C-alpha atoms as a PDB file:
ATOM      1  CA  UNK A   1      97.429 138.330 109.568  1.00  0.00           C
ATOM      2  CA  UNK A   2      98.802 136.107 106.851  1.00  0.00           C
ATOM      3  CA  UNK A   3      97.682 132.788 108.359  1.00  0.00           C
ATOM      4  CA  UNK A   4      93.735 134.664 107.854  1.00  0.00           C
ATOM      5  CA  UNK A   5      94.588 135.526 104.382  1.00  0.00           C
ATOM      6  CA  UNK A   6      95.206 132.183 103.752  1.00  0.00           C
ATOM      7  CA  UNK A   7      92.463 130.265 105.936  1.00  0.00           C
ATOM      8  CA  UNK A   8      89.558 132.217 104.790  1.00  0.00           C
ATOM      9  CA  UNK A   9      89.375 131.520 101.239  1.00  0.00           C
ATOM     10  CA  UNK A  10      90.184 128.028 101.933  1.00  0.00           C
ATOM     11  CA  UNK A  11      87.226 127.770 104.428  1.00  0.00           C
ATOM     12  CA  UNK A  12      84.909 129.777 101.920  1.00  0.00           C
ATOM     13  CA  UNK A  13      86.197 127.206  98.879  1.00  0.00           C
ATOM     14  CA  UNK A  14      85.466 124.042 101.209  1.00  0.00           C
ATOM     15  CA  UNK A  15      82.340 125.587 102.271  1.00  0.00           C
ATOM     16  CA  UNK A  16      81.375 126.195  98.296  1.00  0.00           C
ATOM     17  CA  UNK A  17      82.320 123.078  97.379  1.00  0.00           C
ATOM     18  CA  UNK A  18      80.276 121.487 100.156  1.00  0.00           C
ATOM     19  CA  UNK A  19      76.940 123.470  98.965  1.00  0.00           C
ATOM     20  CA  UNK A  20      77.575 122.378  95.944  1.00  0.00           C
ATOM     21  CA  UNK A  21      77.239 118.615  96.486  1.00  0.00           C
ATOM     22  CA  UNK A  22      74.507 118.745  98.615  1.00  0.00           C
ATOM     23  CA  UNK A  23      72.865 120.622  95.909  1.00  0.00           C
ATOM     24  CA  UNK A  24      73.774 118.105  93.343  1.00  0.00           C
ATOM     25  CA  UNK A  25      72.281 115.515  95.751  1.00  0.00           C
ATOM     26  CA  UNK A  26      69.113 116.719  96.730  1.00  0.00           C
ATOM     27  CA  UNK A  27      68.638 117.635  92.920  1.00  0.00           C
ATOM     28  CA  UNK A  28      69.960 114.316  91.187  1.00  0.00           C
ATOM     29  CA  UNK A  29      67.887 111.758  89.787  1.00  0.00           C
ATOM     30  CA  UNK A  30      70.117 109.092  91.590  1.00  0.00           C
ATOM     31  CA  UNK A  31      69.835 109.913  94.634  1.00  0.00           C
ATOM     32  CA  UNK A  32      67.614 107.314  95.878  1.00  0.00           C
ATOM     33  CA  UNK A  33      70.342 104.437  94.768  1.00  0.00           C
ATOM     34  CA  UNK A  34      71.809 103.001  97.979  1.00  0.00           C
ATOM     35  CA  UNK A  35      74.977 102.318  99.430  1.00  0.00           C
ATOM     36  CA  UNK A  36      77.196 102.924 102.636  1.00  0.00           C
ATOM     37  CA  UNK A  37      76.534 106.244 103.492  1.00  0.00           C
ATOM     38  CA  UNK A  38      79.895 107.610 103.592  1.00  0.00           C
ATOM     39  CA  UNK A  39      80.057 106.572  99.907  1.00  0.00           C
ATOM     40  CA  UNK A  40      77.445 109.115  98.779  1.00  0.00           C
ATOM     41  CA  UNK A  41      79.963 112.118 100.158  1.00  0.00           C
ATOM     42  CA  UNK A  42      83.342 110.867  99.472  1.00  0.00           C
ATOM     43  CA  UNK A  43      85.767 108.591  98.013  1.00  0.00           C
ATOM     44  CA  UNK A  44      87.006 107.928 100.817  1.00  0.00           C
ATOM     45  CA  UNK A  45      85.080 104.691 101.634  1.00  0.00           C
ATOM     46  CA  UNK A  46      85.914 103.054  98.686  1.00  0.00           C
ATOM     47  CA  UNK A  47      89.659 103.852  98.409  1.00  0.00           C
ATOM     48  CA  UNK A  48      90.022 102.492 102.025  1.00  0.00           C
ATOM     49  CA  UNK A  49      88.326  99.181 100.419  1.00  0.00           C
ATOM     50  CA  UNK A  50      90.543  98.917  97.948  1.00  0.00           C
ATOM     51  CA  UNK A  51      93.311  99.255 100.143  1.00  0.00           C
ATOM     52  CA  UNK A  52      92.294  96.451 102.270  1.00  0.00           C
ATOM     53  CA  UNK A  53      92.107  94.427  98.771  1.00  0.00           C
ATOM     54  CA  UNK A  54      89.732  92.076  97.328  1.00  0.00           C
ATOM     55  CA  UNK A  55      87.235  94.943  96.909  1.00  0.00           C
ATOM     56  CA  UNK A  56      85.220  92.522  94.946  1.00  0.00           C
ATOM     57  CA  UNK A  57      83.893  90.883  97.885  1.00  0.00           C
ATOM     58  CA  UNK A  58      82.580  93.998  99.659  1.00  0.00           C
ATOM     59  CA  UNK A  59      81.042  94.857  96.337  1.00  0.00           C
ATOM     60  CA  UNK A  60      79.451  91.517  96.356  1.00  0.00           C
ATOM     61  CA  UNK A  61      78.171  91.979  99.944  1.00  0.00           C
ATOM     62  CA  UNK A  62      76.927  95.816  98.941  1.00  0.00           C
ATOM     63  CA  UNK A  63      74.657  94.266  96.443  1.00  0.00           C
ATOM     64  CA  UNK A  64      73.521  91.296  98.953  1.00  0.00           C
ATOM     65  CA  UNK A  65      72.773  94.267 101.233  1.00  0.00           C
ATOM     66  CA  UNK A  66      71.135  97.093  98.574  1.00  0.00           C
ATOM     67  CA  UNK A  67      70.123  95.253  95.797  1.00  0.00           C
ATOM     68  CA  UNK A  68      71.472  95.116  92.141  1.00  0.00           C
ATOM     69  CA  UNK A  69      72.189  98.454  91.839  1.00  0.00           C
ATOM     70  CA  UNK A  70      74.707 100.244  94.520  1.00  0.00           C
ATOM     71  CA  UNK A  71      76.883 103.420  95.301  1.00  0.00           C
ATOM     72  CA  UNK A  72      80.113 103.296  95.871  1.00  0.00           C
ATOM     73  CA  UNK A  73      81.307 106.684  95.564  1.00  0.00           C
ATOM     74  CA  UNK A  74      80.071 109.712  94.623  1.00  0.00           C
ATOM     75  CA  UNK A  75      78.881 109.233  91.026  1.00  0.00           C
ATOM     76  CA  UNK A  76      80.220 105.544  90.941  1.00  0.00           C
ATOM     77  CA  UNK A  77      77.741 102.755  90.732  1.00  0.00           C
ATOM     78  CA  UNK A  78      77.768  99.396  90.648  1.00  0.00           C
ATOM     79  CA  UNK A  79      75.481  96.966  88.881  1.00  0.00           C
ATOM     80  CA  UNK A  80      74.737  93.405  89.283  1.00  0.00           C
ATOM     81  CA  UNK A  81      71.146  92.642  86.748  1.00  0.00           C
ATOM     82  CA  UNK A  82      72.607  91.013  83.543  1.00  0.00           C
ATOM     83  CA  UNK A  83      70.089  93.212  81.549  1.00  0.00           C
ATOM     84  CA  UNK A  84      71.872  96.517  82.183  1.00  0.00           C
ATOM     85  CA  UNK A  85      75.289  94.899  81.205  1.00  0.00           C
ATOM     86  CA  UNK A  86      73.723  94.922  77.366  1.00  0.00           C
ATOM     87  CA  UNK A  87      72.317  98.615  77.766  1.00  0.00           C
ATOM     88  CA  UNK A  88      75.835 100.370  79.254  1.00  0.00           C
ATOM     89  CA  UNK A  89      77.821  98.153  76.948  1.00  0.00           C
ATOM     90  CA  UNK A  90      75.883  96.971  74.142  1.00  0.00           C
ATOM     91  CA  UNK A  91      76.121  98.110  70.159  1.00  0.00           C
ATOM     92  CA  UNK A  92      74.831 101.174  70.492  1.00  0.00           C
ATOM     93  CA  UNK A  93      75.148 102.568  73.723  1.00  0.00           C
ATOM     94  CA  UNK A  94      75.299 105.853  74.627  1.00  0.00           C
ATOM     95  CA  UNK A  95      77.568 105.184  77.926  1.00  0.00           C
ATOM     96  CA  UNK A  96      81.052 106.720  77.504  1.00  0.00           C
ATOM     97  CA  UNK A  97      83.680 104.483  79.558  1.00  0.00           C
ATOM     98  CA  UNK A  98      85.250 106.076  82.553  1.00  0.00           C
ATOM     99  CA  UNK A  99      88.697 106.977  83.886  1.00  0.00           C
ATOM    100  CA  UNK A 100      88.911 103.841  85.660  1.00  0.00           C
ATOM    101  CA  UNK A 101      89.914 102.236  81.907  1.00  0.00           C
ATOM    102  CA  UNK A 102      92.640 104.234  81.311  1.00  0.00           C
ATOM    103  CA  UNK A 103      95.733 102.020  82.681  1.00  0.00           C
ATOM    104  CA  UNK A 104      94.060  99.131  80.872  1.00  0.00           C
ATOM    105  CA  UNK A 105      96.389  99.746  77.915  1.00  0.00           C
ATOM    106  CA  UNK A 106     100.013 100.995  76.866  1.00  0.00           C
ATOM    107  CA  UNK A 107     100.594 105.170  77.939  1.00  0.00           C
ATOM    108  CA  UNK A 108      99.445 106.893  74.849  1.00  0.00           C
ATOM    109  CA  UNK A 109      98.232 103.930  73.039  1.00  0.00           C
ATOM    110  CA  UNK A 110      94.480 102.933  74.092  1.00  0.00           C
ATOM    111  CA  UNK A 111      93.332  99.426  72.691  1.00  0.00           C
ATOM    112  CA  UNK A 112      89.521  98.106  72.272  1.00  0.00           C
ATOM    113  CA  UNK A 113      89.404  97.450  75.495  1.00  0.00           C
ATOM    114  CA  UNK A 114      90.008 100.613  77.828  1.00  0.00           C
ATOM    115  CA  UNK A 115      89.327 103.334  74.378  1.00  0.00           C
ATOM    116  CA  UNK A 116      86.458 105.183  75.831  1.00  0.00           C
ATOM    117  CA  UNK A 117      85.760 107.605  72.616  1.00  0.00           C
ATOM    118  CA  UNK A 118      82.538 105.865  71.400  1.00  0.00           C
ATOM    119  CA  UNK A 119      83.378 107.065  67.793  1.00  0.00           C
ATOM    120  CA  UNK A 120      87.039 105.237  68.439  1.00  0.00           C
ATOM    121  CA  UNK A 121      85.785 102.303  69.486  1.00  0.00           C
ATOM    122  CA  UNK A 122      83.130 101.559  66.689  1.00  0.00           C
ATOM    123  CA  UNK A 123      85.512 102.471  63.903  1.00  0.00           C
ATOM    124  CA  UNK A 124      88.353 100.153  65.884  1.00  0.00           C
ATOM    125  CA  UNK A 125      85.949  97.045  66.151  1.00  0.00           C
ATOM    126  CA  UNK A 126      84.948  97.301  62.722  1.00  0.00           C
ATOM    127  CA  UNK A 127      88.528  96.402  62.093  1.00  0.00           C
ATOM    128  CA  UNK A 128      88.248  93.145  63.774  1.00  0.00           C
ATOM    129  CA  UNK A 129      84.383  92.268  63.785  1.00  0.00           C
ATOM    130  CA  UNK A 130      84.679  90.044  60.553  1.00  0.00           C
ATOM    131  CA  UNK A 131      87.381  87.516  61.778  1.00  0.00           C
ATOM    132  CA  UNK A 132      85.342  87.450  65.369  1.00  0.00           C
ATOM    133  CA  UNK A 133      82.067  86.889  63.290  1.00  0.00           C
ATOM    134  CA  UNK A 134      79.753  83.533  63.442  1.00  0.00           C
ATOM    135  CA  UNK A 135      80.913  82.468  59.809  1.00  0.00           C
ATOM    136  CA  UNK A 136      84.826  82.759  60.537  1.00  0.00           C
ATOM    137  CA  UNK A 137      84.781  81.375  63.812  1.00  0.00           C
ATOM    138  CA  UNK A 138      82.808  78.043  62.211  1.00  0.00           C
ATOM    139  CA  UNK A 139      85.739  78.056  59.295  1.00  0.00           C
ATOM    140  CA  UNK A 140      88.063  78.007  62.044  1.00  0.00           C
ATOM    141  CA  UNK A 141      86.701  74.381  63.375  1.00  0.00           C
ATOM    142  CA  UNK A 142      88.772  72.782  61.038  1.00  0.00           C
ATOM    143  CA  UNK A 143      92.300  74.008  62.264  1.00  0.00           C
ATOM    144  CA  UNK A 144      90.846  73.261  65.692  1.00  0.00           C
ATOM    145  CA  UNK A 145      89.989  69.504  65.268  1.00  0.00           C
ATOM    146  CA  UNK A 146      93.158  68.993  63.417  1.00  0.00           C
ATOM    147  CA  UNK A 147      95.660  70.126  66.210  1.00  0.00           C
ATOM    148  CA  UNK A 148      93.146  68.347  68.659  1.00  0.00           C
ATOM    149  CA  UNK A 149      93.656  65.069  66.958  1.00  0.00           C
ATOM    150  CA  UNK A 150      97.440  65.559  67.130  1.00  0.00           C
ATOM    151  CA  UNK A 151      97.762  66.411  70.627  1.00  0.00           C
ATOM    152  CA  UNK A 152      95.412  63.187  71.286  1.00  0.00           C
ATOM    153  CA  UNK A 153      98.174  61.060  69.478  1.00  0.00           C
ATOM    154  CA  UNK A 154     100.855  62.736  71.643  1.00  0.00           C
ATOM    155  CA  UNK A 155      99.032  61.903  74.656  1.00  0.00           C
ATOM    156  CA  UNK A 156      98.776  58.427  73.199  1.00  0.00           C
ATOM    157  CA  UNK A 157     102.029  57.566  72.549  1.00  0.00           C
ATOM    158  CA  UNK A 158     103.491  59.347  75.775  1.00  0.00           C
ATOM    159  CA  UNK A 159     100.767  57.285  77.840  1.00  0.00           C
ATOM    160  CA  UNK A 160     101.627  54.083  75.746  1.00  0.00           C
ATOM    161  CA  UNK A 161     105.553  55.066  76.871  1.00  0.00           C
ATOM    162  CA  UNK A 162     104.836  54.937  80.059  1.00  0.00           C
ATOM    163  CA  UNK A 163     105.824  58.743  80.359  1.00  0.00           C
ATOM    164  CA  UNK A 164     104.667  61.413  82.736  1.00  0.00           C
ATOM    165  CA  UNK A 165     102.317  64.261  80.953  1.00  0.00           C
ATOM    166  CA  UNK A 166     103.070  67.901  82.143  1.00  0.00           C
ATOM    167  CA  UNK A 167      99.322  68.526  80.742  1.00  0.00           C
ATOM    168  CA  UNK A 168      99.825  72.399  81.345  1.00  0.00           C
ATOM    169  CA  UNK A 169     102.918  72.214  78.971  1.00  0.00           C
ATOM    170  CA  UNK A 170     101.216  70.287  76.163  1.00  0.00           C
ATOM    171  CA  UNK A 171      98.434  72.388  76.195  1.00  0.00           C
ATOM    172  CA  UNK A 172      99.828  75.671  76.381  1.00  0.00           C
ATOM    173  CA  UNK A 173     101.412  73.815  72.403  1.00  0.00           C
ATOM    174  CA  UNK A 174      98.001  73.097  71.642  1.00  0.00           C
ATOM    175  CA  UNK A 175      97.060  76.660  72.171  1.00  0.00           C
ATOM    176  CA  UNK A 176     100.095  77.782  70.188  1.00  0.00           C
ATOM    177  CA  UNK A 177      99.512  75.920  66.860  1.00  0.00           C
ATOM    178  CA  UNK A 178      95.925  76.812  66.842  1.00  0.00           C
ATOM    179  CA  UNK A 179      96.567  80.016  67.037  1.00  0.00           C
ATOM    180  CA  UNK A 180      98.910  79.325  64.114  1.00  0.00           C
ATOM    181  CA  UNK A 181      96.503  77.605  62.242  1.00  0.00           C
ATOM    182  CA  UNK A 182      93.985  80.440  62.001  1.00  0.00           C
ATOM    183  CA  UNK A 183      96.785  83.516  61.631  1.00  0.00           C
ATOM    184  CA  UNK A 184      99.129  81.959  59.034  1.00  0.00           C
ATOM    185  CA  UNK A 185      97.051  79.306  57.720  1.00  0.00           C
ATOM    186  CA  UNK A 186      99.790  76.507  59.102  1.00  0.00           C
ATOM    187  CA  UNK A 187     100.836  74.970  62.206  1.00  0.00           C
ATOM    188  CA  UNK A 188     103.926  76.447  64.414  1.00  0.00           C
ATOM    189  CA  UNK A 189     105.504  73.089  64.992  1.00  0.00           C
ATOM    190  CA  UNK A 190     104.682  72.801  68.955  1.00  0.00           C
ATOM    191  CA  UNK A 191     102.605  69.860  68.515  1.00  0.00           C
ATOM    192  CA  UNK A 192     105.719  67.731  66.006  1.00  0.00           C
ATOM    193  CA  UNK A 193     107.947  66.799  69.270  1.00  0.00           C
ATOM    194  CA  UNK A 194     106.121  68.489  72.481  1.00  0.00           C
ATOM    195  CA  UNK A 195     109.050  71.315  72.412  1.00  0.00           C
ATOM    196  CA  UNK A 196     109.453  75.283  72.860  1.00  0.00           C
ATOM    197  CA  UNK A 197     109.401  76.874  69.416  1.00  0.00           C
ATOM    198  CA  UNK A 198     111.623  80.106  69.560  1.00  0.00           C
ATOM    199  CA  UNK A 199     111.427  79.964  73.299  1.00  0.00           C
ATOM    200  CA  UNK A 200     107.640  81.438  73.045  1.00  0.00           C
ATOM    201  CA  UNK A 201     106.793  79.534  75.696  1.00  0.00           C
ATOM    202  CA  UNK A 202     109.438  80.601  78.085  1.00  0.00           C
ATOM    203  CA  UNK A 203     108.935  83.885  76.699  1.00  0.00           C
ATOM    204  CA  UNK A 204     105.330  84.181  77.370  1.00  0.00           C
ATOM    205  CA  UNK A 205     106.150  82.586  80.827  1.00  0.00           C
ATOM    206  CA  UNK A 206     108.062  85.432  81.826  1.00  0.00           C
ATOM    207  CA  UNK A 207     105.706  88.551  81.132  1.00  0.00           C
ATOM    208  CA  UNK A 208     104.253  89.903  84.142  1.00  0.00           C
END
C-alpha cells in the first residue's frame, strides 16, 4: 500500500511535467529550430556527447546538417552566424548570460566574462573601457616598439655567438616587459639578460 502512495504522486508529477513540456514546445516560437530529435526533449543527448569529449566537433557537424541555428538541448541553441554574435553579445544587448558561464570565475567573485547581470557587467566594463580604447592602444605602440627593438638586439647577439635560441622563452620575456611598460611605465628587466625575474615565468608555468 505504501508503495502505491509513493508511486502514484511520482507518476503524476512525471506525467504533468511531460504534458507541460509538450504544451510549451507546441506553443513556442522556437519550435521550428532543428536539431537532434532527442535534444528537443531532454538534456540526455547533450550530456552524452559532452561526456565523449570534443563536443565542438559534434556541434560543427550539427551546423553542417541543420544550418546556422541548432537546438542541442531543450531551450539551448547554438549559433554559427556572425551577425548573431553582435546581436547576442554586443553593447546594449538584452540577452543575459546563461548559467553555463558561472564556472568561468572564482566562487562568489565574478569577472567580466562570467558576470550574468547586464547592469553589473556594464558598470564593470566602464572601469576598463578607457584602458582598451583605440586612443590608449595607439599610445602603447611606443612601448611595444621599444621592447621589440630590444628583443631583436638580444636575438641578434645570440645568433652572432652561435647559440641556440629558445624562442618560447624569449617571447615570454618580451611579453612580460611589454606588460610592465604598459602597466608601470618601465620594463621589468626580462629582456636585459633573458633571466626569469622574480621567478615569474616559473610561477606562470606552474599555473593549472
